Amino acid sequence: MLRITEQSDERSLTFKLEGRLVGEWTSELERCWNNAVSDRQPDAIRVELVEVTYVDDAGKQLLTQMASMGAALIAADVMTSALVEQITLQLAGEG
């Protein structure tokens, strides 16, 4: 299960994720992401992975896509910090 909390104001958008980013939950986050960014163009987008306990390959791919579009990935523990580092290095290698 994944809880997605969306917080926004006139300049920023934050997705707070809690739980496992896997399977159908990855599709749900993608749907939320697409709806949010198509409705408005925030100056800053954050994806908080503070309460994420597991990310599968599809979830990692979606987070990579989100980061490539300017979202800041925020980690709080060893697992999510390593994931954010992998994504950052991958994106830097593409540039």
PDB file of N, CA and C in Angstrom:
ATOM      1  N   MET A   1       0.840  -1.177   0.000  1.00  0.00           N
ATOM      2  CA  MET A   1       0.000   0.000   0.000  1.00  0.00           C
ATOM      3  C   MET A   1       0.887   1.242   0.000  1.00  0.00           C
ATOM      4  N   LEU A   2       0.410   2.286  -0.648  1.00  0.00           N
ATOM      5  CA  LEU A   2       1.115   3.553  -0.718  1.00  0.00           C
ATOM      6  C   LEU A   2       0.135   4.673  -0.421  1.00  0.00           C
ATOM      7  N   ARG A   3       0.509   5.542   0.503  1.00  0.00           N
ATOM      8  CA  ARG A   3      -0.279   6.741   0.760  1.00  0.00           C
ATOM      9  C   ARG A   3       0.414   7.894   0.033  1.00  0.00           C
ATOM     10  N   ILE A   4      -0.359   8.615  -0.766  1.00  0.00           N
ATOM     11  CA  ILE A   4       0.152   9.769  -1.501  1.00  0.00           C
ATOM     12  C   ILE A   4      -0.575  10.995  -0.978  1.00  0.00           C
ATOM     13  N   THR A   5       0.180  11.895  -0.374  1.00  0.00           N
ATOM     14  CA  THR A   5      -0.391  13.145   0.112  1.00  0.00           C
ATOM     15  C   THR A   5       0.155  14.271  -0.749  1.00  0.00           C
ATOM     16  N   GLU A   6      -0.732  15.015  -1.329  1.00  0.00           N
ATOM     17  CA  GLU A   6      -0.345  16.123  -2.202  1.00  0.00           C
ATOM     18  C   GLU A   6      -0.601  17.432  -1.474  1.00  0.00           C
ATOM     19  N   GLN A   7       0.434  18.246  -1.380  1.00  0.00           N
ATOM     20  CA  GLN A   7       0.314  19.558  -0.751  1.00  0.00           C
ATOM     21  C   GLN A   7       0.783  20.589  -1.761  1.00  0.00           C
ATOM     22  N   SER A   8       0.043  21.677  -1.876  1.00  0.00           N
ATOM     23  CA  SER A   8       0.457  22.687  -2.840  1.00  0.00           C
ATOM     24  C   SER A   8       0.066  24.072  -2.364  1.00  0.00           C
ATOM     25  N   ASP A   9       0.775  25.025  -2.894  1.00  0.00           N
ATOM     26  CA  ASP A   9       0.395  26.417  -2.759  1.00  0.00           C
ATOM     27  C   ASP A   9       0.599  27.034  -4.134  1.00  0.00           C
ATOM     28  N   GLU A  10       0.547  28.337  -4.222  1.00  0.00           N
ATOM     29  CA  GLU A  10       0.616  28.966  -5.543  1.00  0.00           C
ATOM     30  C   GLU A  10       1.968  28.780  -6.231  1.00  0.00           C
ATOM     31  N   ARG A  11       3.026  28.419  -5.486  1.00  0.00           N
ATOM     32  CA  ARG A  11       4.356  28.327  -6.086  1.00  0.00           C
ATOM     33  C   ARG A  11       4.990  26.952  -6.033  1.00  0.00           C
ATOM     34  N   SER A  12       4.489  26.054  -5.185  1.00  0.00           N
ATOM     35  CA  SER A  12       5.152  24.766  -5.050  1.00  0.00           C
ATOM     36  C   SER A  12       4.154  23.622  -4.916  1.00  0.00           C
ATOM     37  N   LEU A  13       4.659  22.440  -5.187  1.00  0.00           N
ATOM     38  CA  LEU A  13       3.870  21.212  -5.118  1.00  0.00           C
ATOM     39  C   LEU A  13       4.732  20.161  -4.440  1.00  0.00           C
ATOM     40  N   THR A  14       4.164  19.483  -3.441  1.00  0.00           N
ATOM     41  CA  THR A  14       4.886  18.433  -2.731  1.00  0.00           C
ATOM     42  C   THR A  14       4.050  17.164  -2.713  1.00  0.00           C
ATOM     43  N   PHE A  15       4.687  16.056  -3.068  1.00  0.00           N
ATOM     44  CA  PHE A  15       4.088  14.738  -2.909  1.00  0.00           C
ATOM     45  C   PHE A  15       4.802  14.072  -1.742  1.00  0.00           C
ATOM     46  N   LYS A  16       4.062  13.694  -0.713  1.00  0.00           N
ATOM     47  CA  LYS A  16       4.629  12.953   0.407  1.00  0.00           C
ATOM     48  C   LYS A  16       4.189  11.505   0.245  1.00  0.00           C
ATOM     49  N   LEU A  17       5.166  10.601   0.157  1.00  0.00           N
ATOM     50  CA  LEU A  17       4.873   9.192  -0.071  1.00  0.00           C
ATOM     51  C   LEU A  17       5.133   8.396   1.198  1.00  0.00           C
ATOM     52  N   GLU A  18       4.211   7.480   1.504  1.00  0.00           N
ATOM     53  CA  GLU A  18       4.342   6.621   2.675  1.00  0.00           C
ATOM     54  C   GLU A  18       3.970   5.199   2.278  1.00  0.00           C
ATOM     55  N   GLY A  19       4.890   4.264   2.479  1.00  0.00           N
ATOM     56  CA  GLY A  19       4.609   2.863   2.191  1.00  0.00           C
ATOM     57  C   GLY A  19       5.474   2.323   1.075  1.00  0.00           C
ATOM     58  N   ARG A  20       4.892   1.431   0.273  1.00  0.00           N
ATOM     59  CA  ARG A  20       5.629   0.719  -0.768  1.00  0.00           C
ATOM     60  C   ARG A  20       5.253   1.250  -2.149  1.00  0.00           C
ATOM     61  N   LEU A  21       6.256   1.702  -2.896  1.00  0.00           N
ATOM     62  CA  LEU A  21       6.040   2.193  -4.267  1.00  0.00           C
ATOM     63  C   LEU A  21       6.263   1.013  -5.211  1.00  0.00           C
ATOM     64  N   VAL A  22       5.195   0.249  -5.417  1.00  0.00           N
ATOM     65  CA  VAL A  22       5.245  -0.978  -6.218  1.00  0.00           C
ATOM     66  C   VAL A  22       3.959  -1.137  -7.018  1.00  0.00           C
ATOM     67  N   GLY A  23       4.056  -1.899  -8.106  1.00  0.00           N
ATOM     68  CA  GLY A  23       2.884  -2.326  -8.864  1.00  0.00           C
ATOM     69  C   GLY A  23       1.882  -1.234  -9.156  1.00  0.00           C
ATOM     70  N   GLU A  24       0.639  -1.500  -8.796  1.00  0.00           N
ATOM     71  CA  GLU A  24      -0.460  -0.575  -9.091  1.00  0.00           C
ATOM     72  C   GLU A  24      -0.276   0.773  -8.415  1.00  0.00           C
ATOM     73  N   TRP A  25       0.462   0.828  -7.320  1.00  0.00           N
ATOM     74  CA  TRP A  25       0.685   2.097  -6.620  1.00  0.00           C
ATOM     75  C   TRP A  25       1.591   3.019  -7.430  1.00  0.00           C
ATOM     76  N   THR A  26       2.489   2.433  -8.198  1.00  0.00           N
ATOM     77  CA  THR A  26       3.322   3.234  -9.092  1.00  0.00           C
ATOM     78  C   THR A  26       2.436   3.908 -10.143  1.00  0.00           C
ATOM     79  N   SER A  27       1.503   3.162 -10.680  1.00  0.00           N
ATOM     80  CA  SER A  27       0.562   3.724 -11.662  1.00  0.00           C
ATOM     81  C   SER A  27      -0.281   4.827 -11.044  1.00  0.00           C
ATOM     82  N   GLU A  28      -0.680   4.651  -9.792  1.00  0.00           N
ATOM     83  CA  GLU A  28      -1.481   5.668  -9.113  1.00  0.00           C
ATOM     84  C   GLU A  28      -0.667   6.946  -8.892  1.00  0.00           C
ATOM     85  N   LEU A  29       0.597   6.809  -8.480  1.00  0.00           N
ATOM     86  CA  LEU A  29       1.444   7.992  -8.319  1.00  0.00           C
ATOM     87  C   LEU A  29       1.647   8.690  -9.659  1.00  0.00           C
ATOM     88  N   GLU A  30       1.840   7.927 -10.715  1.00  0.00           N
ATOM     89  CA  GLU A  30       2.012   8.519 -12.039  1.00  0.00           C
ATOM     90  C   GLU A  30       0.757   9.297 -12.455  1.00  0.00           C
ATOM     91  N   ARG A  31      -0.400   8.744 -12.165  1.00  0.00           N
ATOM     92  CA  ARG A  31      -1.654   9.425 -12.483  1.00  0.00           C
ATOM     93  C   ARG A  31      -1.753  10.738 -11.694  1.00  0.00           C
ATOM     94  N   CYS A  32      -1.448  10.679 -10.401  1.00  0.00           N
ATOM     95  CA  CYS A  32      -1.483  11.890  -9.570  1.00  0.00           C
ATOM     96  C   CYS A  32      -0.493  12.927 -10.080  1.00  0.00           C
ATOM     97  N   TRP A  33       0.697  12.480 -10.427  1.00  0.00           N
ATOM     98  CA  TRP A  33       1.747  13.364 -10.956  1.00  0.00           C
ATOM     99  C   TRP A  33       1.279  14.041 -12.235  1.00  0.00           C
ATOM    100  N   ASN A  34       0.786  13.246 -13.172  1.00  0.00           N
ATOM    101  CA  ASN A  34       0.345  13.798 -14.460  1.00  0.00           C
ATOM    102  C   ASN A  34      -0.787  14.801 -14.281  1.00  0.00           C
ATOM    103  N   ASN A  35      -1.748  14.481 -13.424  1.00  0.00           N
ATOM    104  CA  ASN A  35      -2.855  15.409 -13.178  1.00  0.00           C
ATOM    105  C   ASN A  35      -2.359  16.701 -12.544  1.00  0.00           C
ATOM    106  N   ALA A  36      -1.475  16.595 -11.593  1.00  0.00           N
ATOM    107  CA  ALA A  36      -1.006  17.781 -10.871  1.00  0.00           C
ATOM    108  C   ALA A  36      -0.191  18.703 -11.755  1.00  0.00           C
ATOM    109  N   VAL A  37       0.711  18.150 -12.541  1.00  0.00           N
ATOM    110  CA  VAL A  37       1.566  19.022 -13.353  1.00  0.00           C
ATOM    111  C   VAL A  37       0.839  19.541 -14.592  1.00  0.00           C
ATOM    112  N   SER A  38      -0.193  18.854 -15.028  1.00  0.00           N
ATOM    113  CA  SER A  38      -0.950  19.376 -16.172  1.00  0.00           C
ATOM    114  C   SER A  38      -1.900  20.490 -15.739  1.00  0.00           C
ATOM    115  N   ASP A  39      -2.342  20.453 -14.482  1.00  0.00           N
ATOM    116  CA  ASP A  39      -3.256  21.477 -13.967  1.00  0.00           C
ATOM    117  C   ASP A  39      -2.560  22.803 -13.680  1.00  0.00           C
ATOM    118  N   ARG A  40      -1.286  22.736 -13.305  1.00  0.00           N
ATOM    119  CA  ARG A  40      -0.546  23.950 -12.937  1.00  0.00           C
ATOM    120  C   ARG A  40       0.943  23.740 -13.202  1.00  0.00           C
ATOM    121  N   GLN A  41       1.674  24.820 -13.221  1.00  0.00           N
ATOM    122  CA  GLN A  41       3.117  24.772 -13.449  1.00  0.00           C
ATOM    123  C   GLN A  41       3.825  25.357 -12.226  1.00  0.00           C
ATOM    124  N   PRO A  42       4.010  24.572 -11.175  1.00  0.00           N
ATOM    125  CA  PRO A  42       4.638  25.103  -9.963  1.00  0.00           C
ATOM    126  C   PRO A  42       6.115  25.417 -10.186  1.00  0.00           C
ATOM    127  N   ASP A  43       6.622  26.391  -9.419  1.00  0.00           N
ATOM    128  CA  ASP A  43       8.038  26.744  -9.485  1.00  0.00           C
ATOM    129  C   ASP A  43       8.908  25.626  -8.926  1.00  0.00           C
ATOM    130  N   ALA A  44       8.415  24.934  -7.911  1.00  0.00           N
ATOM    131  CA  ALA A  44       9.185  23.873  -7.258  1.00  0.00           C
ATOM    132  C   ALA A  44       8.294  22.658  -7.036  1.00  0.00           C
ATOM    133  N   ILE A  45       8.864  21.488  -7.307  1.00  0.00           N
ATOM    134  CA  ILE A  45       8.161  20.229  -7.068  1.00  0.00           C
ATOM    135  C   ILE A  45       9.068  19.358  -6.209  1.00  0.00           C
ATOM    136  N   ARG A  46       8.508  18.835  -5.122  1.00  0.00           N
ATOM    137  CA  ARG A  46       9.251  17.955  -4.215  1.00  0.00           C
ATOM    138  C   ARG A  46       8.523  16.626  -4.107  1.00  0.00           C
ATOM    139  N   VAL A  47       9.308  15.556  -4.041  1.00  0.00           N
ATOM    140  CA  VAL A  47       8.771  14.226  -3.780  1.00  0.00           C
ATOM    141  C   VAL A  47       9.469  13.728  -2.526  1.00  0.00           C
ATOM    142  N   GLU A  48       8.738  13.689  -1.414  1.00  0.00           N
ATOM    143  CA  GLU A  48       9.298  13.284  -0.137  1.00  0.00           C
ATOM    144  C   GLU A  48       9.159  11.780   0.026  1.00  0.00           C
ATOM    145  N   LEU A  49      10.302  11.116   0.137  1.00  0.00           N
ATOM    146  CA  LEU A  49      10.348   9.659   0.274  1.00  0.00           C
ATOM    147  C   LEU A  49      10.579   9.249   1.730  1.00  0.00           C
ATOM    148  N   VAL A  50      10.265  10.158   2.639  1.00  0.00           N
ATOM    149  CA  VAL A  50      10.607   9.992   4.050  1.00  0.00           C
ATOM    150  C   VAL A  50      10.026   8.712   4.652  1.00  0.00           C
ATOM    151  N   GLU A  51       8.827   8.345   4.274  1.00  0.00           N
ATOM    152  CA  GLU A  51       8.164   7.171   4.850  1.00  0.00           C
ATOM    153  C   GLU A  51       8.069   5.996   3.872  1.00  0.00           C
ATOM    154  N   VAL A  52       8.856   6.013   2.796  1.00  0.00           N
ATOM    155  CA  VAL A  52       8.834   4.923   1.819  1.00  0.00           C
ATOM    156  C   VAL A  52       9.648   3.752   2.360  1.00  0.00           C
ATOM    157  N   THR A  53       9.073   2.557   2.279  1.00  0.00           N
ATOM    158  CA  THR A  53       9.745   1.372   2.808  1.00  0.00           C
ATOM    159  C   THR A  53      10.320   0.468   1.721  1.00  0.00           C
ATOM    160  N   TYR A  54       9.848   0.616   0.476  1.00  0.00           N
ATOM    161  CA  TYR A  54      10.342  -0.226  -0.618  1.00  0.00           C
ATOM    162  C   TYR A  54       9.964   0.415  -1.945  1.00  0.00           C
ATOM    163  N   VAL A  55      10.859   0.303  -2.931  1.00  0.00           N
ATOM    164  CA  VAL A  55      10.594   0.793  -4.283  1.00  0.00           C
ATOM    165  C   VAL A  55      11.016  -0.292  -5.264  1.00  0.00           C
ATOM    166  N   ASP A  56      10.091  -0.732  -6.138  1.00  0.00           N
ATOM    167  CA  ASP A  56      10.456  -1.718  -7.148  1.00  0.00           C
ATOM    168  C   ASP A  56      11.017  -1.006  -8.381  1.00  0.00           C
ATOM    169  N   ASP A  57      11.372  -1.779  -9.413  1.00  0.00           N
ATOM    170  CA  ASP A  57      11.989  -1.201 -10.616  1.00  0.00           C
ATOM    171  C   ASP A  57      11.085  -0.181 -11.305  1.00  0.00           C
ATOM    172  N   ALA A  58       9.793  -0.478 -11.380  1.00  0.00           N
ATOM    173  CA  ALA A  58       8.861   0.461 -12.018  1.00  0.00           C
ATOM    174  C   ALA A  58       8.766   1.752 -11.207  1.00  0.00           C
ATOM    175  N   GLY A  59       8.775   1.643  -9.896  1.00  0.00           N
ATOM    176  CA  GLY A  59       8.757   2.822  -9.040  1.00  0.00           C
ATOM    177  C   GLY A  59      10.018   3.649  -9.220  1.00  0.00           C
ATOM    178  N   LYS A  60      11.151   2.983  -9.306  1.00  0.00           N
ATOM    179  CA  LYS A  60      12.413   3.693  -9.526  1.00  0.00           C
ATOM    180  C   LYS A  60      12.394   4.409 -10.870  1.00  0.00           C
ATOM    181  N   GLN A  61      11.861   3.755 -11.871  1.00  0.00           N
ATOM    182  CA  GLN A  61      11.771   4.360 -13.204  1.00  0.00           C
ATOM    183  C   GLN A  61      10.889   5.610 -13.177  1.00  0.00           C
ATOM    184  N   LEU A  62       9.764   5.548 -12.457  1.00  0.00           N
ATOM    185  CA  LEU A  62       8.886   6.710 -12.355  1.00  0.00           C
ATOM    186  C   LEU A  62       9.575   7.843 -11.596  1.00  0.00           C
ATOM    187  N   LEU A  63      10.251   7.536 -10.498  1.00  0.00           N
ATOM    188  CA  LEU A  63      10.963   8.572  -9.751  1.00  0.00           C
ATOM    189  C   LEU A  63      12.051   9.210 -10.612  1.00  0.00           C
ATOM    190  N   THR A  64      12.713   8.408 -11.434  1.00  0.00           N
ATOM    191  CA  THR A  64      13.731   8.932 -12.346  1.00  0.00           C
ATOM    192  C   THR A  64      13.097   9.898 -13.341  1.00  0.00           C
ATOM    193  N   GLN A  65      11.956   9.512 -13.880  1.00  0.00           N
ATOM    194  CA  GLN A  65      11.233  10.378 -14.817  1.00  0.00           C
ATOM    195  C   GLN A  65      10.829  11.682 -14.139  1.00  0.00           C
ATOM    196  N   MET A  66      10.326  11.593 -12.921  1.00  0.00           N
ATOM    197  CA  MET A  66       9.909  12.781 -12.188  1.00  0.00           C
ATOM    198  C   MET A  66      11.105  13.702 -11.927  1.00  0.00           C
ATOM    199  N   ALA A  67      12.233  13.114 -11.531  1.00  0.00           N
ATOM    200  CA  ALA A  67      13.442  13.906 -11.277  1.00  0.00           C
ATOM    201  C   ALA A  67      13.950  14.559 -12.556  1.00  0.00           C
ATOM    202  N   SER A  68      13.847  13.840 -13.672  1.00  0.00           N
ATOM    203  CA  SER A  68      14.314  14.411 -14.941  1.00  0.00           C
ATOM    204  C   SER A  68      13.464  15.595 -15.378  1.00  0.00           C
ATOM    205  N   MET A  69      12.236  15.663 -14.847  1.00  0.00           N
ATOM    206  CA  MET A  69      11.341  16.766 -15.165  1.00  0.00           C
ATOM    207  C   MET A  69      11.418  17.880 -14.124  1.00  0.00           C
ATOM    208  N   GLY A  70      12.400  17.780 -13.227  1.00  0.00           N
ATOM    209  CA  GLY A  70      12.649  18.861 -12.279  1.00  0.00           C
ATOM    210  C   GLY A  70      12.215  18.634 -10.853  1.00  0.00           C
ATOM    211  N   ALA A  71      11.635  17.490 -10.546  1.00  0.00           N
ATOM    212  CA  ALA A  71      11.215  17.225  -9.169  1.00  0.00           C
ATOM    213  C   ALA A  71      12.435  16.954  -8.296  1.00  0.00           C
ATOM    214  N   ALA A  72      12.435  17.511  -7.101  1.00  0.00           N
ATOM    215  CA  ALA A  72      13.480  17.243  -6.117  1.00  0.00           C
ATOM    216  C   ALA A  72      13.054  16.043  -5.289  1.00  0.00           C
ATOM    217  N   LEU A  73      13.884  15.014  -5.268  1.00  0.00           N
ATOM    218  CA  LEU A  73      13.600  13.817  -4.478  1.00  0.00           C
ATOM    219  C   LEU A  73      14.227  13.990  -3.104  1.00  0.00           C
ATOM    220  N   ILE A  74      13.428  13.875  -2.053  1.00  0.00           N
ATOM    221  CA  ILE A  74      13.872  14.108  -0.687  1.00  0.00           C
ATOM    222  C   ILE A  74      13.870  12.781   0.067  1.00  0.00           C
ATOM    223  N   ALA A  75      15.043  12.369   0.547  1.00  0.00           N
ATOM    224  CA  ALA A  75      15.207  11.109   1.260  1.00  0.00           C
ATOM    225  C   ALA A  75      15.489  11.373   2.734  1.00  0.00           C
ATOM    226  N   ALA A  76      15.255  10.360   3.568  1.00  0.00           N
ATOM    227  CA  ALA A  76      15.487  10.524   4.994  1.00  0.00           C
ATOM    228  C   ALA A  76      16.229   9.355   5.628  1.00  0.00           C
ATOM    229  N   ASP A  77      16.361   8.248   4.916  1.00  0.00           N
ATOM    230  CA  ASP A  77      17.048   7.107   5.508  1.00  0.00           C
ATOM    231  C   ASP A  77      18.061   6.544   4.513  1.00  0.00           C
ATOM    232  N   VAL A  78      18.747   5.492   4.917  1.00  0.00           N
ATOM    233  CA  VAL A  78      19.809   4.923   4.090  1.00  0.00           C
ATOM    234  C   VAL A  78      19.270   4.399   2.762  1.00  0.00           C
ATOM    235  N   MET A  79      18.145   3.681   2.798  1.00  0.00           N
ATOM    236  CA  MET A  79      17.601   3.096   1.572  1.00  0.00           C
ATOM    237  C   MET A  79      17.195   4.172   0.566  1.00  0.00           C
ATOM    238  N   THR A  80      16.413   5.152   1.018  1.00  0.00           N
ATOM    239  CA  THR A  80      15.951   6.162   0.073  1.00  0.00           C
ATOM    240  C   THR A  80      17.081   7.105  -0.336  1.00  0.00           C
ATOM    241  N   SER A  81      18.047   7.331   0.551  1.00  0.00           N
ATOM    242  CA  SER A  81      19.210   8.146   0.183  1.00  0.00           C
ATOM    243  C   SER A  81      20.003   7.467  -0.923  1.00  0.00           C
ATOM    244  N   ALA A  82      20.190   6.157  -0.812  1.00  0.00           N
ATOM    245  CA  ALA A  82      20.907   5.403  -1.847  1.00  0.00           C
ATOM    246  C   ALA A  82      20.133   5.448  -3.158  1.00  0.00           C
ATOM    247  N   LEU A  83      18.827   5.333  -3.091  1.00  0.00           N
ATOM    248  CA  LEU A  83      17.986   5.384  -4.285  1.00  0.00           C
ATOM    249  C   LEU A  83      18.095   6.744  -4.967  1.00  0.00           C
ATOM    250  N   VAL A  84      17.997   7.815  -4.185  1.00  0.00           N
ATOM    251  CA  VAL A  84      18.104   9.166  -4.743  1.00  0.00           C
ATOM    252  C   VAL A  84      19.490   9.366  -5.359  1.00  0.00           C
ATOM    253  N   GLU A  85      20.522   8.854  -4.712  1.00  0.00           N
ATOM    254  CA  GLU A  85      21.882   8.970  -5.261  1.00  0.00           C
ATOM    255  C   GLU A  85      21.997   8.230  -6.595  1.00  0.00           C
ATOM    256  N   GLN A  86      21.444   7.025  -6.678  1.00  0.00           N
ATOM    257  CA  GLN A  86      21.456   6.261  -7.940  1.00  0.00           C
ATOM    258  C   GLN A  86      20.765   7.045  -9.049  1.00  0.00           C
ATOM    259  N   ILE A  87      19.603   7.591  -8.744  1.00  0.00           N
ATOM    260  CA  ILE A  87      18.839   8.333  -9.751  1.00  0.00           C
ATOM    261  C   ILE A  87      19.614   9.578 -10.179  1.00  0.00           C
ATOM    262  N   THR A  88      20.190  10.292  -9.227  1.00  0.00           N
ATOM    263  CA  THR A  88      20.959  11.501  -9.533  1.00  0.00           C
ATOM    264  C   THR A  88      22.147  11.178 -10.425  1.00  0.00           C
ATOM    265  N   LEU A  89      22.864  10.110 -10.098  1.00  0.00           N
ATOM    266  CA  LEU A  89      24.012   9.706 -10.919  1.00  0.00           C
ATOM    267  C   LEU A  89      23.583   9.280 -12.315  1.00  0.00           C
ATOM    268  N   GLN A  90      22.469   8.559 -12.384  1.00  0.00           N
ATOM    269  CA  GLN A  90      21.947   8.132 -13.689  1.00  0.00           C
ATOM    270  C   GLN A  90      21.602   9.336 -14.547  1.00  0.00           C
ATOM    271  N   LEU A  91      20.928  10.317 -13.970  1.00  0.00           N
ATOM    272  CA  LEU A  91      20.551  11.505 -14.723  1.00  0.00           C
ATOM    273  C   LEU A  91      21.774  12.335 -15.116  1.00  0.00           C
ATOM    274  N   ALA A  92      22.772  12.389 -14.249  1.00  0.00           N
ATOM    275  CA  ALA A  92      23.998  13.125 -14.559  1.00  0.00           C
ATOM    276  C   ALA A  92      24.735  12.458 -15.714  1.00  0.00           C
ATOM    277  N   GLY A  93      24.673  11.139 -15.798  1.00  0.00           N
ATOM    278  CA  GLY A  93      25.316  10.395 -16.875  1.00  0.00           C
ATOM    279  C   GLY A  93      24.646  10.600 -18.224  1.00  0.00           C
ATOM    280  N   GLU A  94      23.357  10.955 -18.176  1.00  0.00           N
ATOM    281  CA  GLU A  94      22.619  11.197 -19.430  1.00  0.00           C
ATOM    282  C   GLU A  94      22.891  12.580 -19.988  1.00  0.00           C
ATOM    283  N   GLY A  95      23.359  13.494 -19.122  1.00  0.00           N
ATOM    284  CA  GLY A  95      23.541  14.883 -19.526  1.00  0.00           C
ATOM    285  C   GLY A  95      24.792  15.127 -20.238  1.00  0.00           C
TER     286      GLY A  95
END
